[in-house]
Amino acid sequence: MEFNNKENRRIPLLGNDANALIFLIASIAIVFIVMIFTKLTYTLAYDNQQGDYYFGKQIVYWFVLSPGIKANLLKPWSFITYMFTHLSVLSVISTALWLWAFGYILQDLAGNKKLIPVFLYGGWSGAICFLIVSKISHEVADTQFLIGGGPAVMAIAIATTTLAPTYKIYPLLGGGIPLWILTAIYIAINLTSASGSSILLAANISGGFVGFIYIWQLRTGNDWGLWMYRVFEFIHQLFSPDKKALSRKYMKVIKTVNEPDEYQSKLDKILDKISEHGIDKLTKEERVFLDNSAKH
């Protein structure tokens, strides 16, 4: 499967409804800011050593994934919150940058509704792998937790590369740099930083494997993330019953009272197809129709 990345890229903006990438990055940033200010509060209330101890025990513990299954039963939300939790500036910046680098391409090529499912499936896979290795390994201490978006971002990186291995970045530099080179650099950095912990290494590899499987299944027509967005749309409709919960990529195209129903029906199908699968899935006829509609 090849993609033409010479077209104008669609930049995801904060006010755009179809904006999974900004949602993920903003969530990571918000959790980090909350953690930093909370830690500062503990530092001011205690001395440095006591503050770190109580902050870890009373706050961080409830956001990260513990090595024991029983401990996590008391905080099932940690299977999600651990992916968004970072305690150092370097780790949160690294996660955000790599998430943007690969997530931007994945969202642009595959549509808005693939990014969050890949992110969550990768994180859940890493969590399961973490618990399994914790159970069979004697090297894992009770105080060792799984924290950060490593497995989730690895899933997005592998999924993006699997989807478009011929995609090129920086096309003005000698025709562009193949995406797989960026992925190789990311994997090398990721695995090197996790080399000191076999459990973290296994979690990241597991996340990457799920990213590959997700795209492989998607190519066979099986979208693992479809149920997630059905849940999202159901919740959205509960709070906004008068609004149609559909993403629109081309807001320039506005229906008027004089437009025939057949024309609008065809236009709606094309817009929905872009939202679901990305603009690259349009046929030549559909692209021409959409371009002509946008000019009016």
C-alpha atoms as a PDB file:
ATOM      1  CA  MET A   1       0.000   0.000   0.000  1.00  0.00           C
ATOM      2  CA  GLU A   2       1.503   3.313  -1.081  1.00  0.00           C
ATOM      3  CA  PHE A   3       0.516   6.863  -0.260  1.00  0.00           C
ATOM      4  CA  ASN A   4       1.171  10.110  -2.056  1.00  0.00           C
ATOM      5  CA  ASN A   5       2.428  12.499   0.606  1.00  0.00           C
ATOM      6  CA  LYS A   6       2.957  15.394  -1.809  1.00  0.00           C
ATOM      7  CA  GLU A   7      -0.549  16.695  -1.194  1.00  0.00           C
ATOM      8  CA  ASN A   8      -1.203  19.511   1.254  1.00  0.00           C
ATOM      9  CA  ARG A   9      -1.150  18.042   4.706  1.00  0.00           C
ATOM     10  CA  ARG A  10      -4.088  18.780   6.982  1.00  0.00           C
ATOM     11  CA  ILE A  11      -2.809  20.284  10.206  1.00  0.00           C
ATOM     12  CA  PRO A  12      -4.819  19.111  13.246  1.00  0.00           C
ATOM     13  CA  LEU A  13      -6.042  22.163  15.146  1.00  0.00           C
ATOM     14  CA  LEU A  14      -7.267  22.480  18.732  1.00  0.00           C
ATOM     15  CA  GLY A  15     -10.770  23.545  17.734  1.00  0.00           C
ATOM     16  CA  ASN A  16     -11.291  20.709  15.286  1.00  0.00           C
ATOM     17  CA  ASP A  17     -13.777  18.038  16.381  1.00  0.00           C
ATOM     18  CA  ALA A  18     -11.842  15.347  14.521  1.00  0.00           C
ATOM     19  CA  ASN A  19      -8.639  15.828  16.456  1.00  0.00           C
ATOM     20  CA  ALA A  20      -7.530  12.719  18.294  1.00  0.00           C
ATOM     21  CA  LEU A  21      -3.845  13.679  18.167  1.00  0.00           C
ATOM     22  CA  ILE A  22      -4.251  16.994  19.979  1.00  0.00           C
ATOM     23  CA  PHE A  23      -6.576  15.317  22.476  1.00  0.00           C
ATOM     24  CA  LEU A  24      -3.939  12.737  23.385  1.00  0.00           C
ATOM     25  CA  ILE A  25      -1.090  15.247  23.649  1.00  0.00           C
ATOM     26  CA  ALA A  26      -3.217  17.689  25.645  1.00  0.00           C
ATOM     27  CA  SER A  27      -4.259  14.906  28.040  1.00  0.00           C
ATOM     28  CA  ILE A  28      -0.626  13.932  28.628  1.00  0.00           C
ATOM     29  CA  ALA A  29       0.317  17.574  29.222  1.00  0.00           C
ATOM     30  CA  ILE A  30      -2.556  18.210  31.632  1.00  0.00           C
ATOM     31  CA  VAL A  31      -1.772  15.123  33.735  1.00  0.00           C
ATOM     32  CA  PHE A  32       1.898  16.149  33.863  1.00  0.00           C
ATOM     33  CA  ILE A  33       1.071  19.691  34.997  1.00  0.00           C
ATOM     34  CA  VAL A  34      -1.264  18.384  37.684  1.00  0.00           C
ATOM     35  CA  MET A  35       1.444  16.000  38.891  1.00  0.00           C
ATOM     36  CA  ILE A  36       4.093  18.737  39.020  1.00  0.00           C
ATOM     37  CA  PHE A  37       1.926  21.137  41.009  1.00  0.00           C
ATOM     38  CA  THR A  38       0.813  18.376  43.355  1.00  0.00           C
ATOM     39  CA  LYS A  39       4.413  17.336  43.946  1.00  0.00           C
ATOM     40  CA  LEU A  40       5.310  20.955  44.656  1.00  0.00           C
ATOM     41  CA  THR A  41       2.565  21.058  47.267  1.00  0.00           C
ATOM     42  CA  TYR A  42       3.972  17.975  48.990  1.00  0.00           C
ATOM     43  CA  THR A  43       7.476  19.416  48.841  1.00  0.00           C
ATOM     44  CA  LEU A  44       6.327  22.592  50.565  1.00  0.00           C
ATOM     45  CA  ALA A  45       4.363  20.634  53.186  1.00  0.00           C
ATOM     46  CA  TYR A  46       7.237  18.251  54.026  1.00  0.00           C
ATOM     47  CA  ASP A  47      10.958  18.157  53.496  1.00  0.00           C
ATOM     48  CA  ASN A  48      12.217  16.802  50.157  1.00  0.00           C
ATOM     49  CA  GLN A  49      12.571  13.166  51.189  1.00  0.00           C
ATOM     50  CA  GLN A  50       9.264  12.938  53.046  1.00  0.00           C
ATOM     51  CA  GLY A  51       7.490  14.903  50.336  1.00  0.00           C
ATOM     52  CA  ASP A  52       8.640  12.487  47.626  1.00  0.00           C
ATOM     53  CA  TYR A  53       7.605   9.514  49.760  1.00  0.00           C
ATOM     54  CA  TYR A  54       4.070  10.709  50.504  1.00  0.00           C
ATOM     55  CA  PHE A  55       3.603  12.041  46.967  1.00  0.00           C
ATOM     56  CA  GLY A  56       4.489   8.635  45.546  1.00  0.00           C
ATOM     57  CA  LYS A  57       2.388   6.716  48.030  1.00  0.00           C
ATOM     58  CA  GLN A  58      -0.715   8.903  48.132  1.00  0.00           C
ATOM     59  CA  ILE A  59      -0.851  10.280  44.578  1.00  0.00           C
ATOM     60  CA  VAL A  60       1.374   8.563  41.999  1.00  0.00           C
ATOM     61  CA  TYR A  61       0.416   5.078  43.215  1.00  0.00           C
ATOM     62  CA  TRP A  62      -3.191   5.631  42.099  1.00  0.00           C
ATOM     63  CA  PHE A  63      -2.209   6.634  38.553  1.00  0.00           C
ATOM     64  CA  VAL A  64       0.399   3.998  37.683  1.00  0.00           C
ATOM     65  CA  LEU A  65       0.097   0.254  37.120  1.00  0.00           C
ATOM     66  CA  SER A  66       1.232  -1.916  39.999  1.00  0.00           C
ATOM     67  CA  PRO A  67       3.025  -5.250  39.430  1.00  0.00           C
ATOM     68  CA  GLY A  68       0.384  -7.243  41.306  1.00  0.00           C
ATOM     69  CA  ILE A  69      -3.015  -7.992  39.767  1.00  0.00           C
ATOM     70  CA  LYS A  70      -4.816  -7.687  43.102  1.00  0.00           C
ATOM     71  CA  ALA A  71      -3.438  -4.204  43.701  1.00  0.00           C
ATOM     72  CA  ASN A  72      -4.818  -3.025  40.357  1.00  0.00           C
ATOM     73  CA  LEU A  73      -8.309  -4.313  41.115  1.00  0.00           C
ATOM     74  CA  LEU A  74      -8.630  -1.420  43.560  1.00  0.00           C
ATOM     75  CA  LYS A  75      -7.681   1.071  40.825  1.00  0.00           C
ATOM     76  CA  PRO A  76      -8.843  -0.351  37.468  1.00  0.00           C
ATOM     77  CA  TRP A  77      -8.558   3.109  35.894  1.00  0.00           C
ATOM     78  CA  SER A  78      -4.769   2.767  36.160  1.00  0.00           C
ATOM     79  CA  PHE A  79      -4.859   0.579  33.008  1.00  0.00           C
ATOM     80  CA  ILE A  80      -5.526   3.867  31.189  1.00  0.00           C
ATOM     81  CA  THR A  81      -4.061   6.576  33.423  1.00  0.00           C
ATOM     82  CA  TYR A  82      -0.579   5.052  33.499  1.00  0.00           C
ATOM     83  CA  MET A  83      -0.180   5.812  29.772  1.00  0.00           C
ATOM     84  CA  PHE A  84      -0.735   9.532  30.396  1.00  0.00           C
ATOM     85  CA  THR A  85       1.349   9.834  33.559  1.00  0.00           C
ATOM     86  CA  HIS A  86       4.888  11.251  33.413  1.00  0.00           C
ATOM     87  CA  LEU A  87       6.964  12.634  36.253  1.00  0.00           C
ATOM     88  CA  SER A  88       9.913  14.245  34.450  1.00  0.00           C
ATOM     89  CA  VAL A  89      10.121  16.991  31.851  1.00  0.00           C
ATOM     90  CA  LEU A  90      12.353  14.873  29.610  1.00  0.00           C
ATOM     91  CA  SER A  91       9.959  11.924  29.556  1.00  0.00           C
ATOM     92  CA  VAL A  92       6.847  13.983  28.825  1.00  0.00           C
ATOM     93  CA  ILE A  93       8.564  15.974  26.051  1.00  0.00           C
ATOM     94  CA  SER A  94       9.949  12.794  24.490  1.00  0.00           C
ATOM     95  CA  THR A  95       6.547  11.101  24.557  1.00  0.00           C
ATOM     96  CA  ALA A  96       4.773  14.144  23.100  1.00  0.00           C
ATOM     97  CA  LEU A  97       7.289  14.628  20.284  1.00  0.00           C
ATOM     98  CA  TRP A  98       7.326  10.998  19.155  1.00  0.00           C
ATOM     99  CA  LEU A  99       3.541  10.805  19.478  1.00  0.00           C
ATOM    100  CA  TRP A 100       3.223  13.864  17.259  1.00  0.00           C
ATOM    101  CA  ALA A 101       5.771  12.594  14.721  1.00  0.00           C
ATOM    102  CA  PHE A 102       4.032   9.276  14.104  1.00  0.00           C
ATOM    103  CA  GLY A 103       0.501  10.164  15.166  1.00  0.00           C
ATOM    104  CA  TYR A 104       0.296  13.057  12.718  1.00  0.00           C
ATOM    105  CA  ILE A 105       1.098  10.762   9.794  1.00  0.00           C
ATOM    106  CA  LEU A 106      -1.220   7.992  10.979  1.00  0.00           C
ATOM    107  CA  GLN A 107      -4.131  10.366  11.504  1.00  0.00           C
ATOM    108  CA  ASP A 108      -3.535  12.046   8.164  1.00  0.00           C
ATOM    109  CA  LEU A 109      -3.416   8.814   6.172  1.00  0.00           C
ATOM    110  CA  ALA A 110      -5.819   6.524   8.010  1.00  0.00           C
ATOM    111  CA  GLY A 111      -8.342   9.032   9.324  1.00  0.00           C
ATOM    112  CA  ASN A 112      -9.125  10.419  12.755  1.00  0.00           C
ATOM    113  CA  LYS A 113     -10.686   7.280  14.179  1.00  0.00           C
ATOM    114  CA  LYS A 114      -7.607   5.063  14.197  1.00  0.00           C
ATOM    115  CA  LEU A 115      -5.202   6.950  16.464  1.00  0.00           C
ATOM    116  CA  ILE A 116      -6.850   6.566  19.867  1.00  0.00           C
ATOM    117  CA  PRO A 117      -7.664   2.853  19.408  1.00  0.00           C
ATOM    118  CA  VAL A 118      -4.049   2.070  18.415  1.00  0.00           C
ATOM    119  CA  PHE A 119      -2.785   4.130  21.376  1.00  0.00           C
ATOM    120  CA  LEU A 120      -5.061   2.369  23.870  1.00  0.00           C
ATOM    121  CA  TYR A 121      -4.540  -1.136  22.478  1.00  0.00           C
ATOM    122  CA  GLY A 122      -0.773  -0.633  22.597  1.00  0.00           C
ATOM    123  CA  GLY A 123      -0.979   0.599  26.174  1.00  0.00           C
ATOM    124  CA  TRP A 124      -3.222  -2.258  27.248  1.00  0.00           C
ATOM    125  CA  SER A 125      -0.941  -4.785  25.606  1.00  0.00           C
ATOM    126  CA  GLY A 126       2.019  -3.307  27.469  1.00  0.00           C
ATOM    127  CA  ALA A 127       0.060  -3.470  30.722  1.00  0.00           C
ATOM    128  CA  ILE A 128      -0.845  -7.135  30.247  1.00  0.00           C
ATOM    129  CA  CYS A 129       2.748  -7.994  29.348  1.00  0.00           C
ATOM    130  CA  PHE A 130       3.933  -6.073  32.426  1.00  0.00           C
ATOM    131  CA  LEU A 131       1.635  -8.068  34.713  1.00  0.00           C
ATOM    132  CA  ILE A 132       2.622 -11.402  33.149  1.00  0.00           C
ATOM    133  CA  VAL A 133       6.353 -10.732  33.407  1.00  0.00           C
ATOM    134  CA  SER A 134       5.863  -9.424  36.947  1.00  0.00           C
ATOM    135  CA  LYS A 135       4.217 -12.703  37.869  1.00  0.00           C
ATOM    136  CA  ILE A 136       6.898 -14.992  36.443  1.00  0.00           C
ATOM    137  CA  SER A 137       9.951 -12.854  37.149  1.00  0.00           C
ATOM    138  CA  HIS A 138      11.706 -12.709  40.497  1.00  0.00           C
ATOM    139  CA  GLU A 139      13.501  -9.493  39.567  1.00  0.00           C
ATOM    140  CA  VAL A 140      10.419  -7.294  39.806  1.00  0.00           C
ATOM    141  CA  ALA A 141      10.020  -5.538  43.142  1.00  0.00           C
ATOM    142  CA  ASP A 142       6.694  -4.545  44.648  1.00  0.00           C
ATOM    143  CA  THR A 143       7.700  -0.896  44.290  1.00  0.00           C
ATOM    144  CA  GLN A 144       8.294  -1.146  40.520  1.00  0.00           C
ATOM    145  CA  PHE A 145       5.448   0.316  38.490  1.00  0.00           C
ATOM    146  CA  LEU A 146       4.571   0.759  34.841  1.00  0.00           C
ATOM    147  CA  ILE A 147       4.330   4.447  33.980  1.00  0.00           C
ATOM    148  CA  GLY A 148       4.428   6.505  30.792  1.00  0.00           C
ATOM    149  CA  GLY A 149       3.235   6.188  27.219  1.00  0.00           C
ATOM    150  CA  GLY A 150       6.096   4.020  25.946  1.00  0.00           C
ATOM    151  CA  PRO A 151       4.077   0.946  24.855  1.00  0.00           C
ATOM    152  CA  ALA A 152       1.256   3.096  23.445  1.00  0.00           C
ATOM    153  CA  VAL A 153       3.556   5.321  21.369  1.00  0.00           C
ATOM    154  CA  MET A 154       5.496   2.265  20.177  1.00  0.00           C
ATOM    155  CA  ALA A 155       2.199   0.833  18.908  1.00  0.00           C
ATOM    156  CA  ILE A 156       1.509   4.019  16.950  1.00  0.00           C
ATOM    157  CA  ALA A 157       5.049   4.089  15.515  1.00  0.00           C
ATOM    158  CA  ILE A 158       4.871   0.487  14.264  1.00  0.00           C
ATOM    159  CA  ALA A 159       1.282   0.878  13.051  1.00  0.00           C
ATOM    160  CA  THR A 160       2.187   3.977  11.043  1.00  0.00           C
ATOM    161  CA  THR A 161       5.218   2.321   9.463  1.00  0.00           C
ATOM    162  CA  THR A 162       3.245  -0.829   8.681  1.00  0.00           C
ATOM    163  CA  LEU A 163       0.496   1.234   7.069  1.00  0.00           C
ATOM    164  CA  ALA A 164       2.782   3.351   4.897  1.00  0.00           C
ATOM    165  CA  PRO A 165       6.335   1.957   4.712  1.00  0.00           C
ATOM    166  CA  THR A 166       7.090   4.031   1.579  1.00  0.00           C
ATOM    167  CA  TYR A 167       5.958   7.306   3.134  1.00  0.00           C
ATOM    168  CA  LYS A 168       8.713   9.939   3.087  1.00  0.00           C
ATOM    169  CA  ILE A 169       9.303  12.874   5.421  1.00  0.00           C
ATOM    170  CA  TYR A 170      11.157  16.079   4.501  1.00  0.00           C
ATOM    171  CA  PRO A 171      10.547  15.555   0.744  1.00  0.00           C
ATOM    172  CA  LEU A 172      12.794  18.503  -0.150  1.00  0.00           C
ATOM    173  CA  LEU A 173      15.868  16.690   1.185  1.00  0.00           C
ATOM    174  CA  GLY A 174      16.979  14.547  -1.746  1.00  0.00           C
ATOM    175  CA  GLY A 175      13.500  13.265  -2.432  1.00  0.00           C
ATOM    176  CA  GLY A 176      12.647  12.643   1.205  1.00  0.00           C
ATOM    177  CA  ILE A 177      13.641  10.382   4.087  1.00  0.00           C
ATOM    178  CA  PRO A 178      11.809   7.028   4.276  1.00  0.00           C
ATOM    179  CA  LEU A 179       9.603   6.695   7.332  1.00  0.00           C
ATOM    180  CA  TRP A 180      11.213   3.411   8.322  1.00  0.00           C
ATOM    181  CA  ILE A 181      14.483   5.240   9.059  1.00  0.00           C
ATOM    182  CA  LEU A 182      12.723   7.475  11.605  1.00  0.00           C
ATOM    183  CA  THR A 183      11.075   4.395  13.070  1.00  0.00           C
ATOM    184  CA  ALA A 184      14.422   2.608  13.335  1.00  0.00           C
ATOM    185  CA  ILE A 185      15.884   5.599  15.190  1.00  0.00           C
ATOM    186  CA  TYR A 186      12.910   5.679  17.561  1.00  0.00           C
ATOM    187  CA  ILE A 187      13.091   1.942  18.261  1.00  0.00           C
ATOM    188  CA  ALA A 188      16.835   2.153  18.925  1.00  0.00           C
ATOM    189  CA  ILE A 189      16.371   5.028  21.385  1.00  0.00           C
ATOM    190  CA  ASN A 190      13.370   3.389  23.026  1.00  0.00           C
ATOM    191  CA  LEU A 191      14.926  -0.028  23.465  1.00  0.00           C
ATOM    192  CA  THR A 192      18.227   1.443  24.645  1.00  0.00           C
ATOM    193  CA  SER A 193      16.516   3.468  27.354  1.00  0.00           C
ATOM    194  CA  ALA A 194      14.556   0.391  28.421  1.00  0.00           C
ATOM    195  CA  SER A 195      17.508  -2.011  28.260  1.00  0.00           C
ATOM    196  CA  GLY A 196      18.067  -1.746  32.000  1.00  0.00           C
ATOM    197  CA  SER A 197      14.622  -3.192  32.682  1.00  0.00           C
ATOM    198  CA  SER A 198      13.530  -6.415  31.010  1.00  0.00           C
ATOM    199  CA  ILE A 199       9.944  -5.791  32.072  1.00  0.00           C
ATOM    200  CA  LEU A 200       9.792  -2.364  30.427  1.00  0.00           C
ATOM    201  CA  LEU A 201      11.496  -3.727  27.326  1.00  0.00           C
ATOM    202  CA  ALA A 202       8.906  -6.495  27.051  1.00  0.00           C
ATOM    203  CA  ALA A 203       6.046  -4.019  27.506  1.00  0.00           C
ATOM    204  CA  ASN A 204       7.312  -1.776  24.688  1.00  0.00           C
ATOM    205  CA  ILE A 205       7.857  -4.702  22.317  1.00  0.00           C
ATOM    206  CA  SER A 206       4.349  -5.926  23.100  1.00  0.00           C
ATOM    207  CA  GLY A 207       2.923  -2.505  22.247  1.00  0.00           C
ATOM    208  CA  GLY A 208       4.734  -2.476  18.896  1.00  0.00           C
ATOM    209  CA  PHE A 209       3.468  -5.962  18.070  1.00  0.00           C
ATOM    210  CA  VAL A 210      -0.122  -4.884  18.695  1.00  0.00           C
ATOM    211  CA  GLY A 211       0.371  -1.869  16.420  1.00  0.00           C
ATOM    212  CA  PHE A 212       1.447  -4.194  13.619  1.00  0.00           C
ATOM    213  CA  ILE A 213      -1.479  -6.581  14.224  1.00  0.00           C
ATOM    214  CA  TYR A 214      -3.960  -3.685  14.284  1.00  0.00           C
ATOM    215  CA  ILE A 215      -2.991  -2.519  10.788  1.00  0.00           C
ATOM    216  CA  TRP A 216      -2.827  -6.083   9.500  1.00  0.00           C
ATOM    217  CA  GLN A 217      -6.381  -6.645  10.715  1.00  0.00           C
ATOM    218  CA  LEU A 218      -7.483  -3.293   9.306  1.00  0.00           C
ATOM    219  CA  ARG A 219      -6.301  -4.333   5.846  1.00  0.00           C
ATOM    220  CA  THR A 220      -8.480  -7.432   6.067  1.00  0.00           C
ATOM    221  CA  GLY A 221     -11.497  -5.252   6.855  1.00  0.00           C
ATOM    222  CA  ASN A 222     -11.519  -5.806  10.617  1.00  0.00           C
ATOM    223  CA  ASP A 223     -11.376  -2.473  12.460  1.00  0.00           C
ATOM    224  CA  TRP A 224     -10.640  -3.161  16.132  1.00  0.00           C
ATOM    225  CA  GLY A 225     -11.347   0.447  17.061  1.00  0.00           C
ATOM    226  CA  LEU A 226     -14.862   0.663  15.647  1.00  0.00           C
ATOM    227  CA  TRP A 227     -16.525  -0.245  18.939  1.00  0.00           C
ATOM    228  CA  MET A 228     -14.621   2.505  20.768  1.00  0.00           C
ATOM    229  CA  TYR A 229     -15.974   5.257  18.577  1.00  0.00           C
ATOM    230  CA  ARG A 230     -19.457   3.832  18.774  1.00  0.00           C
ATOM    231  CA  VAL A 231     -19.173   4.219  22.539  1.00  0.00           C
ATOM    232  CA  PHE A 232     -17.741   7.745  22.128  1.00  0.00           C
ATOM    233  CA  GLU A 233     -20.578   8.748  19.798  1.00  0.00           C
ATOM    234  CA  PHE A 234     -23.174   7.250  22.142  1.00  0.00           C
ATOM    235  CA  ILE A 235     -21.795   9.256  25.075  1.00  0.00           C
ATOM    236  CA  HIS A 236     -21.581  12.370  22.901  1.00  0.00           C
ATOM    237  CA  GLN A 237     -25.202  12.029  21.859  1.00  0.00           C
ATOM    238  CA  LEU A 238     -26.262  11.653  25.496  1.00  0.00           C
ATOM    239  CA  PHE A 239     -24.836  15.094  26.284  1.00  0.00           C
ATOM    240  CA  SER A 240     -25.602  16.635  22.864  1.00  0.00           C
ATOM    241  CA  PRO A 241     -28.814  14.984  21.638  1.00  0.00           C
ATOM    242  CA  ASP A 242     -29.576  17.775  19.169  1.00  0.00           C
ATOM    243  CA  LYS A 243     -26.200  17.577  17.421  1.00  0.00           C
ATOM    244  CA  LYS A 244     -25.190  15.029  14.831  1.00  0.00           C
ATOM    245  CA  ALA A 245     -22.021  13.362  16.116  1.00  0.00           C
ATOM    246  CA  LEU A 246     -20.166  13.201  12.815  1.00  0.00           C
ATOM    247  CA  SER A 247     -16.679  14.546  12.039  1.00  0.00           C
ATOM    248  CA  ARG A 248     -16.294  16.771   8.986  1.00  0.00           C
ATOM    249  CA  LYS A 249     -12.964  17.292   7.273  1.00  0.00           C
ATOM    250  CA  TYR A 250     -14.184  19.876   4.778  1.00  0.00           C
ATOM    251  CA  MET A 251     -16.166  22.552   6.594  1.00  0.00           C
ATOM    252  CA  LYS A 252     -16.056  24.844   3.518  1.00  0.00           C
ATOM    253  CA  VAL A 253     -18.796  22.749   1.941  1.00  0.00           C
ATOM    254  CA  ILE A 254     -22.107  24.050   3.287  1.00  0.00           C
ATOM    255  CA  LYS A 255     -25.511  22.795   2.396  1.00  0.00           C
ATOM    256  CA  THR A 256     -27.967  25.387   1.002  1.00  0.00           C
ATOM    257  CA  VAL A 257     -31.707  25.189   0.568  1.00  0.00           C
ATOM    258  CA  ASN A 258     -31.299  24.984  -3.212  1.00  0.00           C
ATOM    259  CA  GLU A 259     -29.031  21.911  -3.224  1.00  0.00           C
ATOM    260  CA  PRO A 260     -30.680  18.705  -4.490  1.00  0.00           C
ATOM    261  CA  ASP A 261     -31.042  15.884  -1.967  1.00  0.00           C
ATOM    262  CA  GLU A 262     -29.100  13.512  -4.244  1.00  0.00           C
ATOM    263  CA  TYR A 263     -26.145  15.931  -4.378  1.00  0.00           C
ATOM    264  CA  GLN A 264     -26.079  16.381  -0.603  1.00  0.00           C
ATOM    265  CA  SER A 265     -26.414  12.640  -0.009  1.00  0.00           C
ATOM    266  CA  LYS A 266     -23.383  11.949  -2.212  1.00  0.00           C
ATOM    267  CA  LEU A 267     -21.445  14.714  -0.469  1.00  0.00           C
ATOM    268  CA  ASP A 268     -22.280  13.291   2.984  1.00  0.00           C
ATOM    269  CA  LYS A 269     -21.072   9.843   1.971  1.00  0.00           C
ATOM    270  CA  ILE A 270     -17.737  11.252   0.772  1.00  0.00           C
ATOM    271  CA  LEU A 271     -17.238  13.290   3.960  1.00  0.00           C
ATOM    272  CA  ASP A 272     -18.041  10.273   6.117  1.00  0.00           C
ATOM    273  CA  LYS A 273     -15.626   8.155   4.095  1.00  0.00           C
ATOM    274  CA  ILE A 274     -12.843  10.703   4.724  1.00  0.00           C
ATOM    275  CA  SER A 275     -13.626  10.754   8.441  1.00  0.00           C
ATOM    276  CA  GLU A 276     -13.627   6.981   8.704  1.00  0.00           C
ATOM    277  CA  HIS A 277     -10.738   6.002   6.423  1.00  0.00           C
ATOM    278  CA  GLY A 278      -8.792   9.113   5.381  1.00  0.00           C
ATOM    279  CA  ILE A 279      -8.736  11.108   2.157  1.00  0.00           C
ATOM    280  CA  ASP A 280      -6.393   8.641   0.449  1.00  0.00           C
ATOM    281  CA  LYS A 281      -9.267   6.145   0.211  1.00  0.00           C
ATOM    282  CA  LEU A 282     -11.267   8.404  -2.129  1.00  0.00           C
ATOM    283  CA  THR A 283     -11.580   7.468  -5.769  1.00  0.00           C
ATOM    284  CA  LYS A 284     -10.556   9.898  -8.499  1.00  0.00           C
ATOM    285  CA  GLU A 285     -14.200  10.657  -9.216  1.00  0.00           C
ATOM    286  CA  GLU A 286     -14.900  11.373  -5.536  1.00  0.00           C
ATOM    287  CA  ARG A 287     -11.883  13.713  -5.290  1.00  0.00           C
ATOM    288  CA  VAL A 288     -13.054  15.697  -8.319  1.00  0.00           C
ATOM    289  CA  PHE A 289     -16.588  15.912  -6.917  1.00  0.00           C
ATOM    290  CA  LEU A 290     -15.279  17.141  -3.538  1.00  0.00           C
ATOM    291  CA  ASP A 291     -12.949  19.713  -5.101  1.00  0.00           C
ATOM    292  CA  ASN A 292     -15.772  21.105  -7.212  1.00  0.00           C
ATOM    293  CA  SER A 293     -18.059  21.282  -4.178  1.00  0.00           C
ATOM    294  CA  ALA A 294     -15.476  23.186  -2.155  1.00  0.00           C
ATOM    295  CA  LYS A 295     -15.173  25.840  -4.869  1.00  0.00           C
ATOM    296  CA  HIS A 296     -18.837  26.775  -4.687  1.00  0.00           C
END
